[in-house]
Amino acid sequence: MATTQLSDIYNPLVFAAKAQEAQLELNKFITSGVMVMDADISASAGNMSNVGELPFFKPLTIDEPNYSTDDPASNSVAGKVTDSKM
């Protein structure tokens, strides 16, 4: 007896394209004419390149607690904040 698996009938790329197409056709905001497609934005989004970068701060690492006291000779040193881009 042959077995049928989900991968035999489900292609995620085809499903995603059909779902997106249906989403555009059924969206009342788009079909009302309030929002329209822009050819320049569609062209830049369709070329599969970096459209933009999102900067973010990396979390601080806690290697050793930063103790401070009431001794004026002892100074506390702040941790280094680093950033990156997605």
N, C-alpha and C. Protein backbone atom coordinates (compact mmCIF):
# COMPACT_ATOMS: atom_id res chain seq x y z
N MET A 1 0.85 -1.18 0.00
CA MET A 1 0.00 0.00 0.00
C MET A 1 0.89 1.24 0.00
N ALA A 2 0.62 2.15 -0.90
CA ALA A 2 1.40 3.38 -1.00
C ALA A 2 1.00 4.35 0.12
N THR A 3 1.97 5.09 0.58
CA THR A 3 1.69 6.08 1.62
C THR A 3 1.72 7.48 1.02
N THR A 4 0.89 8.32 1.53
CA THR A 4 0.87 9.73 1.10
C THR A 4 1.30 10.58 2.28
N GLN A 5 2.29 11.41 2.03
CA GLN A 5 2.78 12.31 3.07
C GLN A 5 2.39 13.73 2.72
N LEU A 6 2.45 14.58 3.71
CA LEU A 6 2.08 15.98 3.52
C LEU A 6 2.98 16.63 2.47
N SER A 7 4.24 16.23 2.43
CA SER A 7 5.16 16.81 1.45
C SER A 7 4.78 16.45 0.01
N ASP A 8 3.98 15.41 -0.18
CA ASP A 8 3.53 15.04 -1.52
C ASP A 8 2.50 16.02 -2.09
N ILE A 9 1.73 16.65 -1.21
CA ILE A 9 0.66 17.52 -1.68
C ILE A 9 0.85 18.98 -1.30
N TYR A 10 1.84 19.27 -0.48
CA TYR A 10 2.03 20.64 0.01
C TYR A 10 3.40 21.15 -0.42
N ASN A 11 3.40 22.21 -1.22
CA ASN A 11 4.62 22.90 -1.60
C ASN A 11 4.57 24.27 -0.96
N PRO A 12 5.46 24.57 0.01
CA PRO A 12 5.35 25.84 0.73
C PRO A 12 5.49 27.07 -0.16
N LEU A 13 6.28 27.00 -1.22
CA LEU A 13 6.45 28.16 -2.10
C LEU A 13 5.18 28.46 -2.87
N VAL A 14 4.53 27.43 -3.36
CA VAL A 14 3.28 27.62 -4.11
C VAL A 14 2.18 28.10 -3.16
N PHE A 15 2.11 27.50 -1.98
CA PHE A 15 1.09 27.89 -1.01
C PHE A 15 1.26 29.34 -0.58
N ALA A 16 2.50 29.76 -0.33
CA ALA A 16 2.75 31.13 0.11
C ALA A 16 2.35 32.13 -0.97
N ALA A 17 2.65 31.81 -2.22
CA ALA A 17 2.29 32.71 -3.32
C ALA A 17 0.77 32.83 -3.46
N LYS A 18 0.08 31.70 -3.36
CA LYS A 18 -1.39 31.73 -3.48
C LYS A 18 -2.03 32.44 -2.29
N ALA A 19 -1.49 32.24 -1.11
CA ALA A 19 -2.03 32.90 0.08
C ALA A 19 -1.83 34.40 0.00
N GLN A 20 -0.67 34.83 -0.49
CA GLN A 20 -0.41 36.26 -0.62
C GLN A 20 -1.31 36.88 -1.68
N GLU A 21 -1.51 36.18 -2.77
CA GLU A 21 -2.38 36.68 -3.83
C GLU A 21 -3.82 36.82 -3.33
N ALA A 22 -4.30 35.84 -2.59
CA ALA A 22 -5.66 35.90 -2.04
C ALA A 22 -5.77 37.01 -1.02
N GLN A 23 -4.70 37.22 -0.26
CA GLN A 23 -4.71 38.27 0.75
C GLN A 23 -4.86 39.65 0.10
N LEU A 24 -4.20 39.85 -1.03
CA LEU A 24 -4.32 41.13 -1.73
C LEU A 24 -5.70 41.30 -2.35
N GLU A 25 -6.27 40.22 -2.88
CA GLU A 25 -7.57 40.31 -3.52
C GLU A 25 -8.70 40.53 -2.52
N LEU A 26 -8.56 40.01 -1.31
CA LEU A 26 -9.63 40.08 -0.32
C LEU A 26 -9.48 41.24 0.67
N ASN A 27 -8.37 41.96 0.61
CA ASN A 27 -8.12 43.03 1.55
C ASN A 27 -8.98 44.24 1.18
N LYS A 28 -9.88 44.62 2.06
CA LYS A 28 -10.82 45.72 1.80
C LYS A 28 -10.10 47.07 1.72
N PHE A 29 -9.01 47.21 2.46
CA PHE A 29 -8.26 48.47 2.44
C PHE A 29 -7.64 48.69 1.06
N ILE A 30 -7.12 47.62 0.47
CA ILE A 30 -6.50 47.73 -0.86
C ILE A 30 -7.57 47.88 -1.94
N THR A 31 -8.63 47.07 -1.86
CA THR A 31 -9.66 47.12 -2.90
C THR A 31 -10.47 48.42 -2.87
N SER A 32 -10.46 49.15 -1.75
CA SER A 32 -11.20 50.41 -1.68
C SER A 32 -10.51 51.52 -2.46
N GLY A 33 -9.22 51.35 -2.77
CA GLY A 33 -8.49 52.37 -3.51
C GLY A 33 -7.73 53.33 -2.63
N VAL A 34 -7.81 53.16 -1.31
CA VAL A 34 -7.08 54.03 -0.39
C VAL A 34 -5.58 53.78 -0.53
N MET A 35 -5.21 52.53 -0.70
CA MET A 35 -3.81 52.17 -0.85
C MET A 35 -3.60 51.60 -2.25
N VAL A 36 -2.57 52.06 -2.92
CA VAL A 36 -2.29 51.59 -4.27
C VAL A 36 -0.87 51.04 -4.34
N MET A 37 -0.63 50.18 -5.32
CA MET A 37 0.70 49.62 -5.53
C MET A 37 1.61 50.67 -6.15
N ASP A 38 2.86 50.70 -5.71
CA ASP A 38 3.86 51.61 -6.26
C ASP A 38 4.87 50.78 -7.05
N ALA A 39 5.07 51.11 -8.31
CA ALA A 39 5.95 50.33 -9.17
C ALA A 39 7.40 50.37 -8.70
N ASP A 40 7.85 51.51 -8.19
CA ASP A 40 9.23 51.62 -7.73
C ASP A 40 9.50 50.73 -6.51
N ILE A 41 8.57 50.73 -5.57
CA ILE A 41 8.73 49.91 -4.37
C ILE A 41 8.62 48.43 -4.73
N SER A 42 7.69 48.10 -5.61
CA SER A 42 7.55 46.70 -6.03
C SER A 42 8.81 46.22 -6.74
N ALA A 43 9.42 47.07 -7.56
CA ALA A 43 10.64 46.69 -8.27
C ALA A 43 11.80 46.48 -7.31
N SER A 44 11.94 47.36 -6.31
CA SER A 44 13.05 47.21 -5.37
C SER A 44 12.82 46.03 -4.43
N ALA A 45 11.57 45.73 -4.10
CA ALA A 45 11.30 44.59 -3.23
C ALA A 45 11.40 43.27 -3.99
N GLY A 46 11.20 43.30 -5.29
CA GLY A 46 11.22 42.07 -6.07
C GLY A 46 12.57 41.62 -6.54
N ASN A 47 13.62 42.44 -6.36
CA ASN A 47 14.92 42.03 -6.85
C ASN A 47 15.74 41.23 -5.85
N MET A 48 15.15 40.87 -4.72
CA MET A 48 15.76 39.99 -3.72
C MET A 48 17.10 40.52 -3.21
N SER A 49 17.22 41.80 -3.03
CA SER A 49 18.44 42.37 -2.47
C SER A 49 18.11 42.99 -1.12
N ASN A 50 19.10 43.60 -0.51
CA ASN A 50 18.87 44.26 0.77
C ASN A 50 18.05 45.52 0.54
N VAL A 51 16.86 45.53 1.07
CA VAL A 51 15.99 46.69 0.92
C VAL A 51 16.34 47.72 1.98
N GLY A 52 16.67 47.27 3.16
CA GLY A 52 17.01 48.18 4.24
C GLY A 52 17.75 47.45 5.34
N GLU A 53 18.25 48.21 6.26
CA GLU A 53 18.97 47.65 7.40
C GLU A 53 18.30 48.11 8.67
N LEU A 54 18.26 47.22 9.64
CA LEU A 54 17.64 47.52 10.92
C LEU A 54 18.72 47.46 12.00
N PRO A 55 19.14 48.62 12.52
CA PRO A 55 20.16 48.59 13.58
C PRO A 55 19.54 48.18 14.92
N PHE A 56 20.34 47.55 15.75
CA PHE A 56 19.89 47.17 17.09
C PHE A 56 21.08 47.14 18.03
N PHE A 57 20.81 47.23 19.33
CA PHE A 57 21.84 47.15 20.35
C PHE A 57 21.92 45.72 20.85
N LYS A 58 23.14 45.22 20.95
CA LYS A 58 23.34 43.88 21.48
C LYS A 58 23.18 43.94 23.00
N PRO A 59 22.71 42.86 23.61
CA PRO A 59 22.53 42.90 25.07
C PRO A 59 23.87 42.95 25.79
N LEU A 60 23.86 43.57 26.96
CA LEU A 60 25.08 43.64 27.77
C LEU A 60 25.39 42.26 28.33
N THR A 61 26.66 41.93 28.34
CA THR A 61 27.08 40.67 28.95
C THR A 61 27.41 40.93 30.41
N ILE A 62 27.15 39.97 31.24
CA ILE A 62 27.44 40.10 32.67
C ILE A 62 28.51 39.08 33.02
N ASP A 63 29.76 39.46 32.76
CA ASP A 63 30.87 38.57 33.10
C ASP A 63 31.12 38.59 34.61
N GLU A 64 31.20 39.77 35.15
CA GLU A 64 31.42 39.95 36.58
C GLU A 64 30.53 41.10 37.02
N PRO A 65 29.85 40.98 38.14
CA PRO A 65 29.01 42.10 38.59
C PRO A 65 29.83 43.37 38.77
N ASN A 66 29.23 44.50 38.48
CA ASN A 66 29.89 45.78 38.57
C ASN A 66 29.63 46.38 39.95
N TYR A 67 30.48 46.01 40.90
CA TYR A 67 30.30 46.46 42.28
C TYR A 67 30.78 47.90 42.43
N SER A 68 30.11 48.65 43.25
CA SER A 68 30.59 49.97 43.62
C SER A 68 30.41 50.12 45.13
N THR A 69 31.28 50.92 45.71
CA THR A 69 31.26 51.12 47.17
C THR A 69 31.23 52.61 47.47
N ASP A 70 31.27 52.93 48.76
CA ASP A 70 31.32 54.33 49.15
C ASP A 70 32.76 54.84 49.25
N ASP A 71 33.74 54.01 48.86
CA ASP A 71 35.15 54.39 48.87
C ASP A 71 35.41 55.29 47.66
N PRO A 72 35.83 56.55 47.86
CA PRO A 72 36.06 57.45 46.73
C PRO A 72 37.22 57.01 45.84
N ALA A 73 38.10 56.15 46.32
CA ALA A 73 39.23 55.69 45.51
C ALA A 73 38.81 54.57 44.56
N SER A 74 37.67 53.95 44.82
CA SER A 74 37.19 52.85 44.00
C SER A 74 36.18 53.39 42.98
N ASN A 75 36.47 53.19 41.71
CA ASN A 75 35.58 53.67 40.65
C ASN A 75 34.90 52.50 39.97
N SER A 76 33.66 52.69 39.64
CA SER A 76 32.91 51.69 38.89
C SER A 76 33.07 51.98 37.40
N VAL A 77 33.22 50.94 36.61
CA VAL A 77 33.39 51.10 35.16
C VAL A 77 32.15 50.57 34.47
N ALA A 78 31.59 51.41 33.61
CA ALA A 78 30.37 50.99 32.88
C ALA A 78 30.70 49.95 31.82
N GLY A 79 29.75 49.07 31.54
CA GLY A 79 29.92 48.07 30.50
C GLY A 79 29.85 48.68 29.11
N LYS A 80 30.45 48.03 28.16
CA LYS A 80 30.49 48.51 26.77
C LYS A 80 29.20 48.12 26.05
N VAL A 81 28.61 49.10 25.38
CA VAL A 81 27.41 48.86 24.59
C VAL A 81 27.84 48.73 23.13
N THR A 82 27.42 47.65 22.48
CA THR A 82 27.76 47.46 21.08
C THR A 82 26.48 47.37 20.27
N ASP A 83 26.62 47.63 18.98
CA ASP A 83 25.45 47.54 18.11
C ASP A 83 25.78 46.72 16.88
N SER A 84 24.74 46.42 16.12
CA SER A 84 24.91 45.63 14.89
C SER A 84 23.73 45.97 13.99
N LYS A 85 23.70 45.34 12.80
CA LYS A 85 22.62 45.57 11.85
C LYS A 85 22.06 44.26 11.38
N MET A 86 20.75 44.22 11.14
CA MET A 86 20.10 43.05 10.55
C MET A 86 19.79 43.36 9.10
